[in-house]
């Protein structure tokens, strides 16, 4: 933007210096040159303003898109973390259930062994009394 304005100013100065070097040039042509230079500066300023406005809109759109993408990434990360927590909870539940089943099976087996031992002792005792 600075280069455009500086280039326009340089062209204006050059056009004025060329017109001032000519002694035979009429006052009308100097006025025309100044008017043309003024129009060129006005057009350049308008074009610069449009370019700045377009750049601001593009920057705003880019920032909005970046925010949307970041929000989507965060949502996906949160969903994935929730799924991982759910999977871990199920694994813990399964482990607790399996451990409970193992303890119950061990208790049943121990109880059966104690009952079998009691029955064997009772049978031995009965066998000793009869003889």
N, C-alpha and C. Protein backbone atom coordinates (compact mmCIF):
# COMPACT_ATOMS: atom_id res chain seq x y z
N UNK A 1 0.83 -1.16 0.00
CA UNK A 1 0.00 0.00 0.00
C UNK A 1 0.89 1.24 0.00
N UNK A 2 1.97 1.24 0.78
CA UNK A 2 2.88 2.38 0.80
C UNK A 2 3.53 2.57 -0.57
N UNK A 3 3.89 1.46 -1.19
CA UNK A 3 4.56 1.54 -2.49
C UNK A 3 3.64 2.16 -3.52
N UNK A 4 2.35 1.82 -3.48
CA UNK A 4 1.39 2.36 -4.43
C UNK A 4 1.26 3.87 -4.25
N UNK A 5 1.15 4.32 -3.01
CA UNK A 5 1.03 5.75 -2.76
C UNK A 5 2.33 6.49 -3.13
N UNK A 6 3.47 5.89 -2.79
CA UNK A 6 4.74 6.53 -3.12
C UNK A 6 4.95 6.59 -4.63
N UNK A 7 4.57 5.53 -5.33
CA UNK A 7 4.70 5.52 -6.79
C UNK A 7 3.81 6.59 -7.41
N UNK A 8 2.61 6.72 -6.89
CA UNK A 8 1.69 7.75 -7.40
C UNK A 8 2.25 9.14 -7.14
N UNK A 9 2.78 9.35 -5.97
CA UNK A 9 3.37 10.66 -5.65
C UNK A 9 4.57 10.94 -6.54
N UNK A 10 5.39 9.93 -6.80
CA UNK A 10 6.55 10.09 -7.68
C UNK A 10 6.10 10.46 -9.08
N UNK A 11 5.07 9.79 -9.59
CA UNK A 11 4.55 10.12 -10.93
C UNK A 11 4.01 11.54 -10.95
N UNK A 12 3.35 11.95 -9.90
CA UNK A 12 2.83 13.31 -9.82
C UNK A 12 3.97 14.33 -9.85
N UNK A 13 5.02 14.08 -9.08
CA UNK A 13 6.16 14.99 -9.05
C UNK A 13 6.85 15.03 -10.40
N UNK A 14 7.03 13.86 -11.02
CA UNK A 14 7.66 13.82 -12.34
C UNK A 14 6.83 14.57 -13.38
N UNK A 15 5.52 14.37 -13.34
CA UNK A 15 4.68 15.07 -14.33
C UNK A 15 4.72 16.58 -14.11
N UNK A 16 4.77 17.00 -12.86
CA UNK A 16 4.86 18.43 -12.59
C UNK A 16 6.22 18.99 -13.01
N UNK A 17 7.28 18.21 -12.79
CA UNK A 17 8.60 18.72 -13.17
C UNK A 17 8.74 18.79 -14.68
N UNK A 18 8.17 17.84 -15.40
CA UNK A 18 8.25 17.91 -16.87
C UNK A 18 7.41 19.06 -17.40
N UNK A 19 6.29 19.29 -16.79
CA UNK A 19 5.45 20.39 -17.27
C UNK A 19 6.04 21.74 -16.89
N UNK A 20 6.75 21.81 -15.78
CA UNK A 20 7.33 23.08 -15.39
C UNK A 20 8.58 23.39 -16.20
N UNK A 21 9.22 22.39 -16.79
CA UNK A 21 10.41 22.62 -17.59
C UNK A 21 10.07 23.20 -18.95
N UNK A 22 8.89 23.01 -19.40
CA UNK A 22 8.49 23.50 -20.72
C UNK A 22 7.90 24.90 -20.56
N UNK A 23 8.52 25.85 -21.19
CA UNK A 23 8.06 27.24 -21.09
C UNK A 23 6.89 27.49 -22.02
N UNK A 24 6.75 26.68 -23.05
CA UNK A 24 5.72 26.95 -24.05
C UNK A 24 4.38 26.32 -23.70
N UNK A 25 4.35 25.57 -22.67
CA UNK A 25 3.12 24.88 -22.30
C UNK A 25 2.13 25.89 -21.74
N UNK A 26 0.89 25.71 -22.07
CA UNK A 26 -0.14 26.63 -21.62
C UNK A 26 -0.61 26.26 -20.21
N UNK A 27 -1.25 27.15 -19.55
CA UNK A 27 -1.74 26.95 -18.19
C UNK A 27 -2.82 25.86 -18.16
N UNK A 28 -3.57 25.75 -19.29
CA UNK A 28 -4.60 24.71 -19.34
C UNK A 28 -4.02 23.32 -19.26
N UNK A 29 -2.92 23.07 -19.99
CA UNK A 29 -2.35 21.73 -19.98
C UNK A 29 -1.77 21.40 -18.60
N UNK A 30 -1.28 22.39 -17.87
CA UNK A 30 -0.79 22.15 -16.52
C UNK A 30 -1.97 21.78 -15.62
N UNK A 31 -3.07 22.49 -15.79
CA UNK A 31 -4.26 22.18 -15.00
C UNK A 31 -4.76 20.78 -15.33
N UNK A 32 -4.72 20.43 -16.61
CA UNK A 32 -5.14 19.08 -17.01
C UNK A 32 -4.22 18.02 -16.39
N UNK A 33 -2.92 18.30 -16.40
CA UNK A 33 -1.97 17.35 -15.83
C UNK A 33 -2.22 17.18 -14.33
N UNK A 34 -2.45 18.31 -13.67
CA UNK A 34 -2.71 18.24 -12.22
C UNK A 34 -4.03 17.50 -11.97
N UNK A 35 -5.03 17.79 -12.79
CA UNK A 35 -6.32 17.10 -12.64
C UNK A 35 -6.17 15.60 -12.90
N UNK A 36 -5.40 15.26 -13.93
CA UNK A 36 -5.16 13.84 -14.23
C UNK A 36 -4.40 13.16 -13.09
N UNK A 37 -3.38 13.87 -12.57
CA UNK A 37 -2.63 13.31 -11.45
C UNK A 37 -3.52 13.17 -10.23
N UNK A 38 -4.39 14.15 -10.01
CA UNK A 38 -5.32 14.09 -8.88
C UNK A 38 -6.28 12.91 -9.04
N UNK A 39 -6.77 12.73 -10.27
CA UNK A 39 -7.65 11.58 -10.53
C UNK A 39 -6.91 10.27 -10.33
N UNK A 40 -5.67 10.22 -10.76
CA UNK A 40 -4.88 8.99 -10.59
C UNK A 40 -4.67 8.70 -9.11
N UNK A 41 -4.36 9.74 -8.33
CA UNK A 41 -4.17 9.55 -6.89
C UNK A 41 -5.48 9.10 -6.25
N UNK A 42 -6.59 9.70 -6.66
CA UNK A 42 -7.90 9.33 -6.12
C UNK A 42 -8.23 7.87 -6.46
N UNK A 43 -7.98 7.50 -7.71
CA UNK A 43 -8.23 6.10 -8.12
C UNK A 43 -7.33 5.14 -7.35
N UNK A 44 -6.07 5.53 -7.18
CA UNK A 44 -5.14 4.68 -6.44
C UNK A 44 -5.58 4.52 -4.99
N UNK A 45 -6.02 5.64 -4.39
CA UNK A 45 -6.49 5.59 -3.00
C UNK A 45 -7.73 4.71 -2.89
N UNK A 46 -8.63 4.83 -3.87
CA UNK A 46 -9.85 4.01 -3.86
C UNK A 46 -9.50 2.53 -4.02
N UNK A 47 -8.58 2.25 -4.95
CA UNK A 47 -8.15 0.86 -5.15
C UNK A 47 -7.46 0.31 -3.90
N UNK A 48 -6.67 1.16 -3.27
CA UNK A 48 -5.99 0.74 -2.04
C UNK A 48 -7.01 0.45 -0.94
N UNK A 49 -8.00 1.30 -0.82
CA UNK A 49 -9.06 1.08 0.17
C UNK A 49 -9.81 -0.23 -0.10
N UNK A 50 -10.11 -0.47 -1.37
CA UNK A 50 -10.79 -1.73 -1.72
C UNK A 50 -9.91 -2.93 -1.39
N UNK A 51 -8.62 -2.81 -1.69
CA UNK A 51 -7.71 -3.92 -1.41
C UNK A 51 -7.61 -4.18 0.09
N UNK A 52 -7.56 -3.11 0.88
CA UNK A 52 -7.50 -3.26 2.34
C UNK A 52 -8.79 -3.89 2.85
N UNK A 53 -9.92 -3.46 2.32
CA UNK A 53 -11.21 -4.03 2.73
C UNK A 53 -11.28 -5.53 2.38
N UNK A 54 -10.84 -5.88 1.18
CA UNK A 54 -10.84 -7.30 0.78
C UNK A 54 -9.90 -8.12 1.65
N UNK A 55 -8.74 -7.56 1.95
CA UNK A 55 -7.79 -8.28 2.80
C UNK A 55 -8.36 -8.47 4.21
N UNK A 56 -9.05 -7.46 4.73
CA UNK A 56 -9.65 -7.57 6.06
C UNK A 56 -10.74 -8.64 6.06
N UNK A 57 -11.55 -8.68 5.02
CA UNK A 57 -12.59 -9.71 4.92
C UNK A 57 -11.96 -11.10 4.84
N UNK A 58 -10.92 -11.23 4.02
CA UNK A 58 -10.26 -12.53 3.88
C UNK A 58 -9.63 -12.96 5.20
N UNK A 59 -9.04 -12.02 5.91
CA UNK A 59 -8.44 -12.34 7.21
C UNK A 59 -9.51 -12.76 8.20
N UNK A 60 -10.62 -12.05 8.21
CA UNK A 60 -11.74 -12.42 9.10
C UNK A 60 -12.26 -13.82 8.79
N UNK A 61 -12.40 -14.13 7.49
CA UNK A 61 -12.86 -15.46 7.10
C UNK A 61 -11.85 -16.52 7.52
N UNK A 62 -10.57 -16.24 7.34
CA UNK A 62 -9.54 -17.21 7.72
C UNK A 62 -9.55 -17.46 9.23
N UNK A 63 -9.70 -16.40 10.01
CA UNK A 63 -9.74 -16.55 11.47
C UNK A 63 -10.98 -17.35 11.87
N UNK A 64 -12.12 -17.05 11.25
CA UNK A 64 -13.35 -17.78 11.55
C UNK A 64 -13.21 -19.26 11.21
N UNK A 65 -12.61 -19.56 10.06
CA UNK A 65 -12.39 -20.96 9.68
C UNK A 65 -11.44 -21.65 10.64
N UNK A 66 -10.41 -20.95 11.09
CA UNK A 66 -9.46 -21.54 12.03
C UNK A 66 -10.13 -21.83 13.37
N UNK A 67 -10.98 -20.92 13.82
CA UNK A 67 -11.70 -21.14 15.08
C UNK A 67 -12.65 -22.33 14.95
N UNK A 68 -13.34 -22.42 13.82
CA UNK A 68 -14.24 -23.57 13.60
C UNK A 68 -13.47 -24.87 13.58
N UNK A 69 -12.33 -24.89 12.90
CA UNK A 69 -11.52 -26.11 12.83
C UNK A 69 -11.00 -26.50 14.21
N UNK A 70 -10.58 -25.52 14.99
CA UNK A 70 -10.10 -25.80 16.35
C UNK A 70 -11.24 -26.34 17.21
N UNK A 71 -12.42 -25.76 17.08
CA UNK A 71 -13.57 -26.25 17.83
C UNK A 71 -13.92 -27.68 17.48
N UNK A 72 -13.87 -27.99 16.17
CA UNK A 72 -14.16 -29.36 15.74
C UNK A 72 -13.11 -30.33 16.27
N UNK A 73 -11.85 -29.92 16.26
CA UNK A 73 -10.78 -30.78 16.77
C UNK A 73 -10.96 -31.02 18.27
N UNK A 74 -11.34 -30.00 19.00
CA UNK A 74 -11.57 -30.14 20.44
C UNK A 74 -12.74 -31.08 20.70
N UNK A 75 -13.82 -30.92 19.92
CA UNK A 75 -14.98 -31.80 20.08
C UNK A 75 -14.60 -33.26 19.83
N UNK A 76 -13.82 -33.51 18.78
CA UNK A 76 -13.40 -34.88 18.48
C UNK A 76 -12.51 -35.44 19.58
N UNK A 77 -11.63 -34.59 20.12
CA UNK A 77 -10.75 -35.03 21.20
C UNK A 77 -11.56 -35.38 22.45
N UNK A 78 -12.54 -34.55 22.77
CA UNK A 78 -13.38 -34.80 23.93
C UNK A 78 -14.17 -36.10 23.73
N UNK A 79 -14.71 -36.29 22.53
CA UNK A 79 -15.45 -37.53 22.24
C UNK A 79 -14.55 -38.75 22.37
N UNK A 80 -13.34 -38.65 21.84
CA UNK A 80 -12.40 -39.78 21.92
C UNK A 80 -12.03 -40.07 23.38
N UNK A 81 -11.82 -39.02 24.17
CA UNK A 81 -11.49 -39.21 25.59
C UNK A 81 -12.67 -39.86 26.31
N UNK A 82 -13.88 -39.44 26.00
CA UNK A 82 -15.07 -40.06 26.61
C UNK A 82 -15.18 -41.53 26.25
N UNK A 83 -14.91 -41.84 24.98
CA UNK A 83 -14.93 -43.25 24.56
C UNK A 83 -13.88 -44.06 25.30
N UNK A 84 -12.70 -43.48 25.48
CA UNK A 84 -11.62 -44.18 26.19
C UNK A 84 -12.01 -44.42 27.66
N UNK A 85 -12.63 -43.43 28.27
CA UNK A 85 -13.07 -43.58 29.67
C UNK A 85 -14.15 -44.66 29.77
N UNK A 86 -15.08 -44.66 28.80
CA UNK A 86 -16.12 -45.70 28.80
C UNK A 86 -15.51 -47.09 28.65
N UNK A 87 -14.55 -47.22 27.72
CA UNK A 87 -13.90 -48.51 27.50
C UNK A 87 -13.14 -48.95 28.76
N UNK A 88 -12.46 -48.02 29.42
CA UNK A 88 -11.74 -48.35 30.65
C UNK A 88 -12.71 -48.78 31.74
N UNK A 89 -13.85 -48.10 31.85
CA UNK A 89 -14.85 -48.46 32.84
C UNK A 89 -15.40 -49.86 32.59
N UNK A 90 -15.65 -50.19 31.32
CA UNK A 90 -16.13 -51.54 31.00
C UNK A 90 -15.08 -52.59 31.33
N UNK A 91 -13.82 -52.27 31.03
CA UNK A 91 -12.75 -53.22 31.34
C UNK A 91 -12.64 -53.44 32.84
N UNK A 92 -12.77 -52.38 33.62
CA UNK A 92 -12.72 -52.50 35.08
C UNK A 92 -13.90 -53.32 35.57
N UNK A 93 -15.10 -53.04 35.03
CA UNK A 93 -16.28 -53.81 35.43
C UNK A 93 -16.10 -55.30 35.13
N UNK A 94 -15.57 -55.59 33.94
CA UNK A 94 -15.34 -56.99 33.56
C UNK A 94 -14.32 -57.64 34.49
N UNK A 95 -13.27 -56.90 34.84
CA UNK A 95 -12.24 -57.44 35.73
C UNK A 95 -12.81 -57.70 37.12
N UNK A 96 -13.61 -56.76 37.61
CA UNK A 96 -14.23 -56.93 38.93
C UNK A 96 -15.18 -58.13 38.90
N UNK A 97 -15.97 -58.25 37.84
CA UNK A 97 -16.89 -59.39 37.74
C UNK A 97 -16.12 -60.71 37.70
N UNK A 98 -15.05 -60.75 36.91
CA UNK A 98 -14.24 -61.97 36.81
C UNK A 98 -13.60 -62.30 38.15
N UNK A 99 -13.11 -61.28 38.86
CA UNK A 99 -12.50 -61.52 40.17
C UNK A 99 -13.54 -62.02 41.16
N UNK A 100 -14.73 -61.45 41.11
CA UNK A 100 -15.81 -61.89 41.99
C UNK A 100 -16.20 -63.33 41.71
N UNK A 101 -16.29 -63.66 40.41
CA UNK A 101 -16.60 -65.04 40.04
C UNK A 101 -15.51 -65.99 40.53
N UNK A 102 -14.26 -65.57 40.39
CA UNK A 102 -13.15 -66.43 40.84
C UNK A 102 -13.19 -66.63 42.35
N UNK A 103 -13.49 -65.57 43.10
CA UNK A 103 -13.58 -65.68 44.56
C UNK A 103 -14.74 -66.59 44.93
N UNK A 104 -15.88 -66.44 44.27
CA UNK A 104 -17.03 -67.30 44.56
C UNK A 104 -16.72 -68.76 44.24
N UNK A 105 -16.07 -68.98 43.08
CA UNK A 105 -15.69 -70.35 42.71
C UNK A 105 -14.72 -70.93 43.73
N UNK A 106 -13.75 -70.12 44.17
CA UNK A 106 -12.78 -70.60 45.16
C UNK A 106 -13.48 -70.90 46.49
N UNK A 107 -14.42 -70.05 46.87
CA UNK A 107 -15.16 -70.27 48.12
C UNK A 107 -15.99 -71.54 48.02
N UNK A 108 -16.65 -71.73 46.87
CA UNK A 108 -17.45 -72.95 46.67
C UNK A 108 -16.56 -74.19 46.71
N UNK A 109 -15.41 -74.10 46.05
CA UNK A 109 -14.48 -75.23 46.03
C UNK A 109 -13.95 -75.51 47.44
N UNK A 110 -13.62 -74.46 48.19
CA UNK A 110 -13.12 -74.63 49.55
C UNK A 110 -14.22 -75.24 50.43
N UNK A 111 -15.46 -74.75 50.25
CA UNK A 111 -16.57 -75.29 51.02
C UNK A 111 -16.79 -76.76 50.69
N UNK A 112 -16.70 -77.11 49.41
CA UNK A 112 -16.87 -78.52 49.01
C UNK A 112 -15.76 -79.38 49.59
N UNK A 113 -14.55 -78.83 49.55
CA UNK A 113 -13.41 -79.58 50.10
C UNK A 113 -13.59 -79.79 51.60
N UNK A 114 -14.04 -78.77 52.31
CA UNK A 114 -14.27 -78.89 53.76
C UNK A 114 -15.37 -79.92 54.02
N UNK A 115 -16.45 -79.85 53.24
CA UNK A 115 -17.54 -80.82 53.41
C UNK A 115 -17.07 -82.24 53.12
N UNK A 116 -16.28 -82.39 52.05
CA UNK A 116 -15.75 -83.72 51.71
C UNK A 116 -14.83 -84.23 52.84
N UNK A 117 -14.02 -83.33 53.37
CA UNK A 117 -13.13 -83.72 54.48
C UNK A 117 -13.95 -84.10 55.71
N UNK A 118 -15.01 -83.33 55.99
CA UNK A 118 -15.87 -83.62 57.14
C UNK A 118 -16.55 -84.98 56.96
N UNK A 119 -17.04 -85.21 55.73
CA UNK A 119 -17.69 -86.49 55.46
C UNK A 119 -16.69 -87.64 55.62
N UNK A 120 -15.46 -87.43 55.15
CA UNK A 120 -14.45 -88.47 55.26
C UNK A 120 -14.11 -88.75 56.72
N UNK A 121 -14.02 -87.69 57.51
CA UNK A 121 -13.71 -87.85 58.95
C UNK A 121 -14.88 -88.56 59.62
N UNK A 122 -16.10 -88.14 59.31
CA UNK A 122 -17.28 -88.78 59.90
C UNK A 122 -17.35 -90.27 59.52
N UNK A 123 -17.02 -90.56 58.27
CA UNK A 123 -17.02 -91.95 57.84
C UNK A 123 -15.94 -92.75 58.59
N UNK A 124 -14.83 -92.15 58.80
CA UNK A 124 -13.74 -92.80 59.53
C UNK A 124 -14.18 -93.07 60.98
N UNK A 125 -14.82 -92.02 61.54
CA UNK A 125 -15.27 -92.15 62.92
C UNK A 125 -16.36 -93.25 63.01
N UNK A 126 -17.25 -93.27 62.06
CA UNK A 126 -18.29 -94.29 62.05
C UNK A 126 -17.66 -95.68 61.87
N UNK A 127 -16.63 -95.74 61.08
CA UNK A 127 -15.96 -97.02 60.85
C UNK A 127 -15.24 -97.50 62.09
N UNK A 128 -14.76 -96.58 62.90
CA UNK A 128 -14.04 -96.96 64.12
C UNK A 128 -15.05 -97.40 65.18
N UNK A 129 -16.18 -96.82 65.31
CA UNK A 129 -17.17 -97.13 66.31
C UNK A 129 -17.78 -98.50 66.05
N UNK A 130 -17.97 -98.88 64.87
CA UNK A 130 -18.63 -100.12 64.53
C UNK A 130 -17.71 -101.29 64.85
N UNK A 131 -16.53 -101.21 64.72
CA UNK A 131 -15.63 -102.36 64.90
C UNK A 131 -15.48 -102.68 66.29
